[in-house]
Amino acid sequence: MVTQSKVDMLKTLKKASKENDAPIWAKVADYVQKSKSNQKIVNLTKINQTTEDGNAVVITGKILGTGNISHKVSVSSLSISNSAAKKIIESGGEVLQFSEMIEKFPTGKGVKIIG
């Protein structure tokens, strides 16, 4: 079952891709459309190992709080645990909705997809 919020998110991502000539947002929309069982679960350890200070990251699944993050990152995801959000914010990073990530990085330049 597809929720209205997921439909709205898909519309936002596809619109951003088209308006900003940014294929990354269309790619994220493709991942979002996958069934929940096919979406990735990523922990903070992986984010910490694959990013650097100041990176922007889109997780096409859920972020779990296992591990620590030693630097500032901006993240968007379909879902995030409370402990992961707390650790990201404590490290100086930020947790953004997809619409906020698009507003901050309209062309997707500098944004990594993990998951």
PDB file of N, CA and C in Angstrom:
ATOM      1  N   MET A   1       0.829  -1.175   0.000  1.00  0.00           N
ATOM      2  CA  MET A   1       0.000   0.000   0.000  1.00  0.00           C
ATOM      3  C   MET A   1       0.883   1.252   0.000  1.00  0.00           C
ATOM      4  N   VAL A   2       0.546   2.202  -0.837  1.00  0.00           N
ATOM      5  CA  VAL A   2       1.302   3.440  -0.938  1.00  0.00           C
ATOM      6  C   VAL A   2       0.550   4.532  -0.183  1.00  0.00           C
ATOM      7  N   THR A   3       1.246   5.178   0.737  1.00  0.00           N
ATOM      8  CA  THR A   3       0.620   6.240   1.515  1.00  0.00           C
ATOM      9  C   THR A   3       0.637   7.549   0.728  1.00  0.00           C
ATOM     10  N   GLN A   4      -0.226   8.469   1.129  1.00  0.00           N
ATOM     11  CA  GLN A   4      -0.275   9.767   0.460  1.00  0.00           C
ATOM     12  C   GLN A   4       1.043  10.519   0.616  1.00  0.00           C
ATOM     13  N   SER A   5       1.685  10.378   1.775  1.00  0.00           N
ATOM     14  CA  SER A   5       2.964  11.074   1.984  1.00  0.00           C
ATOM     15  C   SER A   5       4.038  10.545   1.039  1.00  0.00           C
ATOM     16  N   LYS A   6       3.998   9.239   0.752  1.00  0.00           N
ATOM     17  CA  LYS A   6       4.962   8.658  -0.183  1.00  0.00           C
ATOM     18  C   LYS A   6       4.682   9.144  -1.609  1.00  0.00           C
ATOM     19  N   VAL A   7       3.424   9.246  -1.972  1.00  0.00           N
ATOM     20  CA  VAL A   7       3.037   9.764  -3.294  1.00  0.00           C
ATOM     21  C   VAL A   7       3.515  11.207  -3.431  1.00  0.00           C
ATOM     22  N   ASP A   8       3.300  12.010  -2.388  1.00  0.00           N
ATOM     23  CA  ASP A   8       3.738  13.411  -2.407  1.00  0.00           C
ATOM     24  C   ASP A   8       5.261  13.506  -2.519  1.00  0.00           C
ATOM     25  N   MET A   9       5.977  12.641  -1.796  1.00  0.00           N
ATOM     26  CA  MET A   9       7.430  12.635  -1.842  1.00  0.00           C
ATOM     27  C   MET A   9       7.914  12.302  -3.256  1.00  0.00           C
ATOM     28  N   LEU A  10       7.289  11.300  -3.882  1.00  0.00           N
ATOM     29  CA  LEU A  10       7.664  10.920  -5.248  1.00  0.00           C
ATOM     30  C   LEU A  10       7.442  12.074  -6.219  1.00  0.00           C
ATOM     31  N   LYS A  11       6.318  12.754  -6.089  1.00  0.00           N
ATOM     32  CA  LYS A  11       6.038  13.908  -6.948  1.00  0.00           C
ATOM     33  C   LYS A  11       7.090  15.000  -6.760  1.00  0.00           C
ATOM     34  N   THR A  12       7.434  15.271  -5.519  1.00  0.00           N
ATOM     35  CA  THR A  12       8.435  16.298  -5.206  1.00  0.00           C
ATOM     36  C   THR A  12       9.786  15.943  -5.813  1.00  0.00           C
ATOM     37  N   LEU A  13      10.200  14.679  -5.650  1.00  0.00           N
ATOM     38  CA  LEU A  13      11.487  14.235  -6.176  1.00  0.00           C
ATOM     39  C   LEU A  13      11.531  14.310  -7.705  1.00  0.00           C
ATOM     40  N   LYS A  14      10.480  13.831  -8.353  1.00  0.00           N
ATOM     41  CA  LYS A  14      10.445  13.839  -9.822  1.00  0.00           C
ATOM     42  C   LYS A  14      10.395  15.262 -10.365  1.00  0.00           C
ATOM     43  N   LYS A  15       9.636  16.120  -9.701  1.00  0.00           N
ATOM     44  CA  LYS A  15       9.544  17.516 -10.119  1.00  0.00           C
ATOM     45  C   LYS A  15      10.905  18.201  -9.974  1.00  0.00           C
ATOM     46  N   ALA A  16      11.581  17.957  -8.869  1.00  0.00           N
ATOM     47  CA  ALA A  16      12.903  18.551  -8.631  1.00  0.00           C
ATOM     48  C   ALA A  16      13.907  18.071  -9.672  1.00  0.00           C
ATOM     49  N   SER A  17      13.817  16.801 -10.041  1.00  0.00           N
ATOM     50  CA  SER A  17      14.713  16.250 -11.049  1.00  0.00           C
ATOM     51  C   SER A  17      14.530  16.956 -12.385  1.00  0.00           C
ATOM     52  N   LYS A  18      13.284  17.132 -12.763  1.00  0.00           N
ATOM     53  CA  LYS A  18      12.970  17.759 -14.052  1.00  0.00           C
ATOM     54  C   LYS A  18      13.308  19.256 -14.058  1.00  0.00           C
ATOM     55  N   GLU A  19      12.887  19.975 -13.031  1.00  0.00           N
ATOM     56  CA  GLU A  19      13.084  21.421 -12.979  1.00  0.00           C
ATOM     57  C   GLU A  19      14.548  21.826 -12.830  1.00  0.00           C
ATOM     58  N   ASN A  20      15.336  21.028 -12.139  1.00  0.00           N
ATOM     59  CA  ASN A  20      16.724  21.387 -11.857  1.00  0.00           C
ATOM     60  C   ASN A  20      17.730  20.614 -12.704  1.00  0.00           C
ATOM     61  N   ASP A  21      17.214  19.847 -13.677  1.00  0.00           N
ATOM     62  CA  ASP A  21      18.073  18.996 -14.500  1.00  0.00           C
ATOM     63  C   ASP A  21      19.029  18.202 -13.599  1.00  0.00           C
ATOM     64  N   ALA A  22      18.428  17.534 -12.612  1.00  0.00           N
ATOM     65  CA  ALA A  22      19.184  16.816 -11.584  1.00  0.00           C
ATOM     66  C   ALA A  22      18.741  15.350 -11.538  1.00  0.00           C
ATOM     67  N   PRO A  23      19.415  14.484 -12.287  1.00  0.00           N
ATOM     68  CA  PRO A  23      19.016  13.073 -12.330  1.00  0.00           C
ATOM     69  C   PRO A  23      19.060  12.352 -10.988  1.00  0.00           C
ATOM     70  N   ILE A  24      19.816  12.887 -10.041  1.00  0.00           N
ATOM     71  CA  ILE A  24      19.915  12.230  -8.738  1.00  0.00           C
ATOM     72  C   ILE A  24      18.546  12.118  -8.065  1.00  0.00           C
ATOM     73  N   TRP A  25      17.694  13.141  -8.215  1.00  0.00           N
ATOM     74  CA  TRP A  25      16.392  13.104  -7.546  1.00  0.00           C
ATOM     75  C   TRP A  25      15.471  12.079  -8.194  1.00  0.00           C
ATOM     76  N   ALA A  26      15.588  11.860  -9.504  1.00  0.00           N
ATOM     77  CA  ALA A  26      14.810  10.807 -10.176  1.00  0.00           C
ATOM     78  C   ALA A  26      15.286   9.430  -9.708  1.00  0.00           C
ATOM     79  N   LYS A  27      16.598   9.304  -9.513  1.00  0.00           N
ATOM     80  CA  LYS A  27      17.153   8.037  -9.024  1.00  0.00           C
ATOM     81  C   LYS A  27      16.656   7.732  -7.611  1.00  0.00           C
ATOM     82  N   VAL A  28      16.634   8.764  -6.766  1.00  0.00           N
ATOM     83  CA  VAL A  28      16.110   8.589  -5.405  1.00  0.00           C
ATOM     84  C   VAL A  28      14.639   8.193  -5.465  1.00  0.00           C
ATOM     85  N   ALA A  29      13.869   8.811  -6.370  1.00  0.00           N
ATOM     86  CA  ALA A  29      12.443   8.467  -6.524  1.00  0.00           C
ATOM     87  C   ALA A  29      12.289   6.995  -6.904  1.00  0.00           C
ATOM     88  N   ASP A  30      13.161   6.494  -7.773  1.00  0.00           N
ATOM     89  CA  ASP A  30      13.110   5.073  -8.151  1.00  0.00           C
ATOM     90  C   ASP A  30      13.325   4.179  -6.942  1.00  0.00           C
ATOM     91  N   TYR A  31      14.286   4.544  -6.091  1.00  0.00           N
ATOM     92  CA  TYR A  31      14.539   3.763  -4.881  1.00  0.00           C
ATOM     93  C   TYR A  31      13.351   3.819  -3.920  1.00  0.00           C
ATOM     94  N   VAL A  32      12.744   4.996  -3.801  1.00  0.00           N
ATOM     95  CA  VAL A  32      11.617   5.178  -2.882  1.00  0.00           C
ATOM     96  C   VAL A  32      10.433   4.296  -3.290  1.00  0.00           C
ATOM     97  N   GLN A  33      10.274   4.069  -4.587  1.00  0.00           N
ATOM     98  CA  GLN A  33       9.160   3.263  -5.086  1.00  0.00           C
ATOM     99  C   GLN A  33       9.303   1.775  -4.774  1.00  0.00           C
ATOM    100  N   LYS A  34      10.510   1.331  -4.442  1.00  0.00           N
ATOM    101  CA  LYS A  34      10.720  -0.085  -4.149  1.00  0.00           C
ATOM    102  C   LYS A  34       9.934  -0.491  -2.905  1.00  0.00           C
ATOM    103  N   SER A  35       9.636  -1.770  -2.828  1.00  0.00           N
ATOM    104  CA  SER A  35       8.919  -2.266  -1.656  1.00  0.00           C
ATOM    105  C   SER A  35       9.786  -2.103  -0.416  1.00  0.00           C
ATOM    106  N   LYS A  36       9.148  -2.022   0.718  1.00  0.00           N
ATOM    107  CA  LYS A  36       9.852  -1.800   1.972  1.00  0.00           C
ATOM    108  C   LYS A  36      10.899  -2.886   2.230  1.00  0.00           C
ATOM    109  N   SER A  37      10.608  -4.116   1.824  1.00  0.00           N
ATOM    110  CA  SER A  37      11.556  -5.206   2.049  1.00  0.00           C
ATOM    111  C   SER A  37      12.819  -5.066   1.198  1.00  0.00           C
ATOM    112  N   ASN A  38      12.765  -4.265   0.130  1.00  0.00           N
ATOM    113  CA  ASN A  38      13.927  -4.043  -0.724  1.00  0.00           C
ATOM    114  C   ASN A  38      14.694  -2.774  -0.372  1.00  0.00           C
ATOM    115  N   GLN A  39      14.210  -2.026   0.609  1.00  0.00           N
ATOM    116  CA  GLN A  39      14.901  -0.813   1.004  1.00  0.00           C
ATOM    117  C   GLN A  39      16.018  -1.159   1.987  1.00  0.00           C
ATOM    118  N   LYS A  40      17.075  -0.397   1.936  1.00  0.00           N
ATOM    119  CA  LYS A  40      18.273  -0.680   2.721  1.00  0.00           C
ATOM    120  C   LYS A  40      18.159  -0.161   4.150  1.00  0.00           C
ATOM    121  N   ILE A  41      18.851  -0.849   5.034  1.00  0.00           N
ATOM    122  CA  ILE A  41      19.008  -0.404   6.410  1.00  0.00           C
ATOM    123  C   ILE A  41      20.486  -0.065   6.564  1.00  0.00           C
ATOM    124  N   VAL A  42      20.758   1.160   6.972  1.00  0.00           N
ATOM    125  CA  VAL A  42      22.128   1.652   7.077  1.00  0.00           C
ATOM    126  C   VAL A  42      22.347   2.139   8.511  1.00  0.00           C
ATOM    127  N   ASN A  43      23.484   1.752   9.085  1.00  0.00           N
ATOM    128  CA  ASN A  43      23.776   2.229  10.436  1.00  0.00           C
ATOM    129  C   ASN A  43      24.775   3.382  10.392  1.00  0.00           C
ATOM    130  N   LEU A  44      24.934   4.046  11.506  1.00  0.00           N
ATOM    131  CA  LEU A  44      25.821   5.214  11.566  1.00  0.00           C
ATOM    132  C   LEU A  44      27.272   4.862  11.266  1.00  0.00           C
ATOM    133  N   THR A  45      27.682   3.652  11.606  1.00  0.00           N
ATOM    134  CA  THR A  45      29.052   3.233  11.308  1.00  0.00           C
ATOM    135  C   THR A  45      29.324   3.332   9.808  1.00  0.00           C
ATOM    136  N   LYS A  46      28.394   2.852   8.984  1.00  0.00           N
ATOM    137  CA  LYS A  46      28.588   2.907   7.530  1.00  0.00           C
ATOM    138  C   LYS A  46      28.605   4.350   7.036  1.00  0.00           C
ATOM    139  N   ILE A  47      27.706   5.175   7.555  1.00  0.00           N
ATOM    140  CA  ILE A  47      27.682   6.583   7.163  1.00  0.00           C
ATOM    141  C   ILE A  47      29.004   7.244   7.547  1.00  0.00           C
ATOM    142  N   ASN A  48      29.496   6.949   8.735  1.00  0.00           N
ATOM    143  CA  ASN A  48      30.749   7.524   9.212  1.00  0.00           C
ATOM    144  C   ASN A  48      31.925   7.124   8.319  1.00  0.00           C
ATOM    145  N   GLN A  49      31.927   5.868   7.855  1.00  0.00           N
ATOM    146  CA  GLN A  49      33.030   5.355   7.034  1.00  0.00           C
ATOM    147  C   GLN A  49      32.981   5.852   5.591  1.00  0.00           C
ATOM    148  N   THR A  50      31.797   6.168   5.090  1.00  0.00           N
ATOM    149  CA  THR A  50      31.666   6.521   3.670  1.00  0.00           C
ATOM    150  C   THR A  50      31.466   8.009   3.403  1.00  0.00           C
ATOM    151  N   THR A  51      31.514   8.818   4.458  1.00  0.00           N
ATOM    152  CA  THR A  51      31.336  10.256   4.289  1.00  0.00           C
ATOM    153  C   THR A  51      32.478  11.019   4.932  1.00  0.00           C
ATOM    154  N   GLU A  52      32.542  12.295   4.581  1.00  0.00           N
ATOM    155  CA  GLU A  52      33.506  13.200   5.190  1.00  0.00           C
ATOM    156  C   GLU A  52      32.737  14.370   5.793  1.00  0.00           C
ATOM    157  N   ASP A  53      33.442  15.172   6.556  1.00  0.00           N
ATOM    158  CA  ASP A  53      32.828  16.323   7.212  1.00  0.00           C
ATOM    159  C   ASP A  53      32.138  17.226   6.187  1.00  0.00           C
ATOM    160  N   GLY A  54      30.885  17.534   6.454  1.00  0.00           N
ATOM    161  CA  GLY A  54      30.126  18.447   5.594  1.00  0.00           C
ATOM    162  C   GLY A  54      29.394  17.798   4.437  1.00  0.00           C
ATOM    163  N   ASN A  55      29.538  16.483   4.253  1.00  0.00           N
ATOM    164  CA  ASN A  55      28.842  15.800   3.153  1.00  0.00           C
ATOM    165  C   ASN A  55      27.330  15.814   3.344  1.00  0.00           C
ATOM    166  N   ALA A  56      26.625  15.699   2.217  1.00  0.00           N
ATOM    167  CA  ALA A  56      25.173  15.541   2.216  1.00  0.00           C
ATOM    168  C   ALA A  56      24.879  14.136   1.708  1.00  0.00           C
ATOM    169  N   VAL A  57      23.994  13.429   2.398  1.00  0.00           N
ATOM    170  CA  VAL A  57      23.740  12.024   2.096  1.00  0.00           C
ATOM    171  C   VAL A  57      22.245  11.736   2.072  1.00  0.00           C
ATOM    172  N   VAL A  58      21.834  10.953   1.080  1.00  0.00           N
ATOM    173  CA  VAL A  58      20.460  10.453   1.022  1.00  0.00           C
ATOM    174  C   VAL A  58      20.528   8.948   1.263  1.00  0.00           C
ATOM    175  N   ILE A  59      19.751   8.496   2.215  1.00  0.00           N
ATOM    176  CA  ILE A  59      19.652   7.067   2.520  1.00  0.00           C
ATOM    177  C   ILE A  59      18.308   6.596   1.993  1.00  0.00           C
ATOM    178  N   THR A  60      18.331   5.612   1.109  1.00  0.00           N
ATOM    179  CA  THR A  60      17.090   5.135   0.497  1.00  0.00           C
ATOM    180  C   THR A  60      16.480   4.005   1.314  1.00  0.00           C
ATOM    181  N   GLY A  61      16.383   4.227   2.586  1.00  0.00           N
ATOM    182  CA  GLY A  61      15.828   3.249   3.517  1.00  0.00           C
ATOM    183  C   GLY A  61      15.820   3.851   4.902  1.00  0.00           C
ATOM    184  N   LYS A  62      16.254   3.054   5.882  1.00  0.00           N
ATOM    185  CA  LYS A  62      16.211   3.479   7.283  1.00  0.00           C
ATOM    186  C   LYS A  62      17.621   3.627   7.842  1.00  0.00           C
ATOM    187  N   ILE A  63      17.806   4.632   8.698  1.00  0.00           N
ATOM    188  CA  ILE A  63      19.070   4.825   9.403  1.00  0.00           C
ATOM    189  C   ILE A  63      18.885   4.349  10.837  1.00  0.00           C
ATOM    190  N   LEU A  64      19.801   3.463  11.257  1.00  0.00           N
ATOM    191  CA  LEU A  64      19.793   2.977  12.634  1.00  0.00           C
ATOM    192  C   LEU A  64      20.945   3.596  13.404  1.00  0.00           C
ATOM    193  N   GLY A  65      20.808   3.670  14.709  1.00  0.00           N
ATOM    194  CA  GLY A  65      21.782   4.342  15.564  1.00  0.00           C
ATOM    195  C   GLY A  65      22.972   3.516  15.981  1.00  0.00           C
ATOM    196  N   THR A  66      23.195   2.360  15.387  1.00  0.00           N
ATOM    197  CA  THR A  66      24.339   1.534  15.746  1.00  0.00           C
ATOM    198  C   THR A  66      25.620   2.231  15.317  1.00  0.00           C
ATOM    199  N   GLY A  67      26.557   2.367  16.241  1.00  0.00           N
ATOM    200  CA  GLY A  67      27.823   3.030  15.943  1.00  0.00           C
ATOM    201  C   GLY A  67      27.764   4.506  16.278  1.00  0.00           C
ATOM    202  N   ASN A  68      28.781   5.205  15.840  1.00  0.00           N
ATOM    203  CA  ASN A  68      28.879   6.637  16.102  1.00  0.00           C
ATOM    204  C   ASN A  68      29.218   7.371  14.826  1.00  0.00           C
ATOM    205  N   ILE A  69      29.038   8.675  14.858  1.00  0.00           N
ATOM    206  CA  ILE A  69      29.411   9.522  13.726  1.00  0.00           C
ATOM    207  C   ILE A  69      30.366  10.580  14.270  1.00  0.00           C
ATOM    208  N   SER A  70      31.515  10.722  13.631  1.00  0.00           N
ATOM    209  CA  SER A  70      32.562  11.583  14.169  1.00  0.00           C
ATOM    210  C   SER A  70      32.660  12.930  13.463  1.00  0.00           C
ATOM    211  N   HIS A  71      31.752  13.183  12.534  1.00  0.00           N
ATOM    212  CA  HIS A  71      31.796  14.442  11.795  1.00  0.00           C
ATOM    213  C   HIS A  71      30.396  14.893  11.409  1.00  0.00           C
ATOM    214  N   LYS A  72      30.329  16.106  10.913  1.00  0.00           N
ATOM    215  CA  LYS A  72      29.061  16.743  10.560  1.00  0.00           C
ATOM    216  C   LYS A  72      28.599  16.257   9.179  1.00  0.00           C
ATOM    217  N   VAL A  73      27.353  15.768   9.088  1.00  0.00           N
ATOM    218  CA  VAL A  73      26.743  15.397   7.809  1.00  0.00           C
ATOM    219  C   VAL A  73      25.293  15.866   7.790  1.00  0.00           C
ATOM    220  N   SER A  74      24.793  16.088   6.576  1.00  0.00           N
ATOM    221  CA  SER A  74      23.367  16.364   6.387  1.00  0.00           C
ATOM    222  C   SER A  74      22.768  15.104   5.792  1.00  0.00           C
ATOM    223  N   VAL A  75      21.713  14.569   6.397  1.00  0.00           N
ATOM    224  CA  VAL A  75      21.119  13.329   5.908  1.00  0.00           C
ATOM    225  C   VAL A  75      19.620  13.479   5.672  1.00  0.00           C
ATOM    226  N   SER A  76      19.149  12.749   4.663  1.00  0.00           N
ATOM    227  CA  SER A  76      17.717  12.552   4.417  1.00  0.00           C
ATOM    228  C   SER A  76      17.519  11.062   4.269  1.00  0.00           C
ATOM    229  N   SER A  77      16.409  10.573   4.773  1.00  0.00           N
ATOM    230  CA  SER A  77      16.119   9.146   4.645  1.00  0.00           C
ATOM    231  C   SER A  77      14.612   8.930   4.706  1.00  0.00           C
ATOM    232  N   LEU A  78      14.218   7.719   4.355  1.00  0.00           N
ATOM    233  CA  LEU A  78      12.802   7.376   4.449  1.00  0.00           C
ATOM    234  C   LEU A  78      12.380   7.222   5.898  1.00  0.00           C
ATOM    235  N   SER A  79      13.341   6.794   6.737  1.00  0.00           N
ATOM    236  CA  SER A  79      13.051   6.570   8.149  1.00  0.00           C
ATOM    237  C   SER A  79      14.356   6.677   8.925  1.00  0.00           C
ATOM    238  N   ILE A  80      14.269   7.106  10.172  1.00  0.00           N
ATOM    239  CA  ILE A  80      15.467   7.215  11.007  1.00  0.00           C
ATOM    240  C   ILE A  80      15.080   6.933  12.455  1.00  0.00           C
ATOM    241  N   SER A  81      15.948   6.185  13.144  1.00  0.00           N
ATOM    242  CA  SER A  81      15.680   5.910  14.556  1.00  0.00           C
ATOM    243  C   SER A  81      15.979   7.161  15.371  1.00  0.00           C
ATOM    244  N   ASN A  82      15.362   7.247  16.528  1.00  0.00           N
ATOM    245  CA  ASN A  82      15.593   8.397  17.410  1.00  0.00           C
ATOM    246  C   ASN A  82      17.056   8.505  17.817  1.00  0.00           C
ATOM    247  N   SER A  83      17.673   7.350  18.100  1.00  0.00           N
ATOM    248  CA  SER A  83      19.078   7.390  18.543  1.00  0.00           C
ATOM    249  C   SER A  83      19.995   7.847  17.412  1.00  0.00           C
ATOM    250  N   ALA A  84      19.711   7.463  16.176  1.00  0.00           N
ATOM    251  CA  ALA A  84      20.524   7.907  15.037  1.00  0.00           C
ATOM    252  C   ALA A  84      20.384   9.405  14.838  1.00  0.00           C
ATOM    253  N   ALA A  85      19.167   9.911  14.888  1.00  0.00           N
ATOM    254  CA  ALA A  85      18.935  11.349  14.720  1.00  0.00           C
ATOM    255  C   ALA A  85      19.670  12.130  15.802  1.00  0.00           C
ATOM    256  N   LYS A  86      19.593  11.654  17.024  1.00  0.00           N
ATOM    257  CA  LYS A  86      20.246  12.331  18.150  1.00  0.00           C
ATOM    258  C   LYS A  86      21.757  12.389  17.945  1.00  0.00           C
ATOM    259  N   LYS A  87      22.367  11.270  17.540  1.00  0.00           N
ATOM    260  CA  LYS A  87      23.817  11.219  17.338  1.00  0.00           C
ATOM    261  C   LYS A  87      24.259  12.116  16.178  1.00  0.00           C
ATOM    262  N   ILE A  88      23.481  12.153  15.112  1.00  0.00           N
ATOM    263  CA  ILE A  88      23.814  13.008  13.959  1.00  0.00           C
ATOM    264  C   ILE A  88      23.780  14.476  14.377  1.00  0.00           C
ATOM    265  N   ILE A  89      22.749  14.860  15.094  1.00  0.00           N
ATOM    266  CA  ILE A  89      22.605  16.246  15.544  1.00  0.00           C
ATOM    267  C   ILE A  89      23.703  16.606  16.548  1.00  0.00           C
ATOM    268  N   GLU A  90      24.025  15.685  17.451  1.00  0.00           N
ATOM    269  CA  GLU A  90      25.084  15.935  18.437  1.00  0.00           C
ATOM    270  C   GLU A  90      26.449  16.113  17.777  1.00  0.00           C
ATOM    271  N   SER A  91      26.657  15.500  16.617  1.00  0.00           N
ATOM    272  CA  SER A  91      27.937  15.634  15.914  1.00  0.00           C
ATOM    273  C   SER A  91      27.996  16.921  15.086  1.00  0.00           C
ATOM    274  N   GLY A  92      26.919  17.715  15.139  1.00  0.00           N
ATOM    275  CA  GLY A  92      26.882  18.968  14.387  1.00  0.00           C
ATOM    276  C   GLY A  92      26.169  18.854  13.061  1.00  0.00           C
ATOM    277  N   GLY A  93      25.671  17.661  12.758  1.00  0.00           N
ATOM    278  CA  GLY A  93      24.971  17.430  11.499  1.00  0.00           C
ATOM    279  C   GLY A  93      23.505  17.798  11.580  1.00  0.00           C
ATOM    280  N   GLU A  94      22.788  17.474  10.507  1.00  0.00           N
ATOM    281  CA  GLU A  94      21.359  17.772  10.473  1.00  0.00           C
ATOM    282  C   GLU A  94      20.597  16.660   9.771  1.00  0.00           C
ATOM    283  N   VAL A  95      19.364  16.483  10.208  1.00  0.00           N
ATOM    284  CA  VAL A  95      18.449  15.512   9.613  1.00  0.00           C
ATOM    285  C   VAL A  95      17.401  16.321   8.852  1.00  0.00           C
ATOM    286  N   LEU A  96      17.344  16.109   7.537  1.00  0.00           N
ATOM    287  CA  LEU A  96      16.469  16.888   6.670  1.00  0.00           C
ATOM    288  C   LEU A  96      15.422  16.008   6.004  1.00  0.00           C
ATOM    289  N   GLN A  97      14.263  16.578   5.758  1.00  0.00           N
ATOM    290  CA  GLN A  97      13.282  15.905   4.912  1.00  0.00           C
ATOM    291  C   GLN A  97      13.780  16.015   3.473  1.00  0.00           C
ATOM    292  N   PHE A  98      13.263  15.166   2.590  1.00  0.00           N
ATOM    293  CA  PHE A  98      13.706  15.211   1.197  1.00  0.00           C
ATOM    294  C   PHE A  98      13.490  16.599   0.588  1.00  0.00           C
ATOM    295  N   SER A  99      12.365  17.227   0.896  1.00  0.00           N
ATOM    296  CA  SER A  99      12.085  18.558   0.342  1.00  0.00           C
ATOM    297  C   SER A  99      13.124  19.583   0.809  1.00  0.00           C
ATOM    298  N   GLU A 100      13.585  19.458   2.052  1.00  0.00           N
ATOM    299  CA  GLU A 100      14.614  20.365   2.564  1.00  0.00           C
ATOM    300  C   GLU A 100      15.965  20.097   1.898  1.00  0.00           C
ATOM    301  N   MET A 101      16.261  18.830   1.642  1.00  0.00           N
ATOM    302  CA  MET A 101      17.516  18.469   0.969  1.00  0.00           C
ATOM    303  C   MET A 101      17.509  19.024  -0.453  1.00  0.00           C
ATOM    304  N   ILE A 102      16.371  18.911  -1.128  1.00  0.00           N
ATOM    305  CA  ILE A 102      16.245  19.441  -2.492  1.00  0.00           C
ATOM    306  C   ILE A 102      16.411  20.957  -2.487  1.00  0.00           C
ATOM    307  N   GLU A 103      15.827  21.613  -1.507  1.00  0.00           N
ATOM    308  CA  GLU A 103      15.939  23.070  -1.416  1.00  0.00           C
ATOM    309  C   GLU A 103      17.387  23.497  -1.194  1.00  0.00           C
ATOM    310  N   LYS A 104      18.099  22.748  -0.375  1.00  0.00           N
ATOM    311  CA  LYS A 104      19.487  23.069  -0.054  1.00  0.00           C
ATOM    312  C   LYS A 104      20.451  22.702  -1.185  1.00  0.00           C
ATOM    313  N   PHE A 105      20.152  21.602  -1.901  1.00  0.00           N
ATOM    314  CA  PHE A 105      20.998  21.109  -2.986  1.00  0.00           C
ATOM    315  C   PHE A 105      20.137  20.835  -4.222  1.00  0.00           C
ATOM    316  N   PRO A 106      19.601  21.869  -4.873  1.00  0.00           N
ATOM    317  CA  PRO A 106      18.640  21.667  -5.960  1.00  0.00           C
ATOM    318  C   PRO A 106      19.161  20.824  -7.128  1.00  0.00           C
ATOM    319  N   THR A 107      20.434  20.970  -7.466  1.00  0.00           N
ATOM    320  CA  THR A 107      20.981  20.196  -8.582  1.00  0.00           C
ATOM    321  C   THR A 107      21.495  18.836  -8.139  1.00  0.00           C
ATOM    322  N   GLY A 108      21.529  18.620  -6.834  1.00  0.00           N
ATOM    323  CA  GLY A 108      22.026  17.352  -6.299  1.00  0.00           C
ATOM    324  C   GLY A 108      23.547  17.277  -6.263  1.00  0.00           C
ATOM    325  N   LYS A 109      24.204  18.348  -6.683  1.00  0.00           N
ATOM    326  CA  LYS A 109      25.671  18.340  -6.693  1.00  0.00           C
ATOM    327  C   LYS A 109      26.181  18.228  -5.259  1.00  0.00           C
ATOM    328  N   GLY A 110      27.054  17.259  -5.041  1.00  0.00           N
ATOM    329  CA  GLY A 110      27.627  17.041  -3.717  1.00  0.00           C
ATOM    330  C   GLY A 110      26.815  16.109  -2.830  1.00  0.00           C
ATOM    331  N   VAL A 111      25.716  15.593  -3.329  1.00  0.00           N
ATOM    332  CA  VAL A 111      24.866  14.688  -2.550  1.00  0.00           C
ATOM    333  C   VAL A 111      25.200  13.244  -2.923  1.00  0.00           C
ATOM    334  N   LYS A 112      25.442  12.411  -1.922  1.00  0.00           N
ATOM    335  CA  LYS A 112      25.709  10.977  -2.125  1.00  0.00           C
ATOM    336  C   LYS A 112      24.455  10.180  -1.811  1.00  0.00           C
ATOM    337  N   ILE A 113      24.271   9.095  -2.544  1.00  0.00           N
ATOM    338  CA  ILE A 113      23.214   8.138  -2.216  1.00  0.00           C
ATOM    339  C   ILE A 113      23.873   6.923  -1.578  1.00  0.00           C
ATOM    340  N   ILE A 114      23.391   6.547  -0.420  1.00  0.00           N
ATOM    341  CA  ILE A 114      23.867   5.336   0.258  1.00  0.00           C
ATOM    342  C   ILE A 114      22.665   4.431   0.464  1.00  0.00           C
ATOM    343  N   GLY A 115      22.825   3.187   0.084  1.00  0.00           N
ATOM    344  CA  GLY A 115      21.736   2.250   0.314  1.00  0.00           C
ATOM    345  C   GLY A 115      21.236   1.571  -0.894  1.00  0.00           C
TER     346      GLY A 115
END
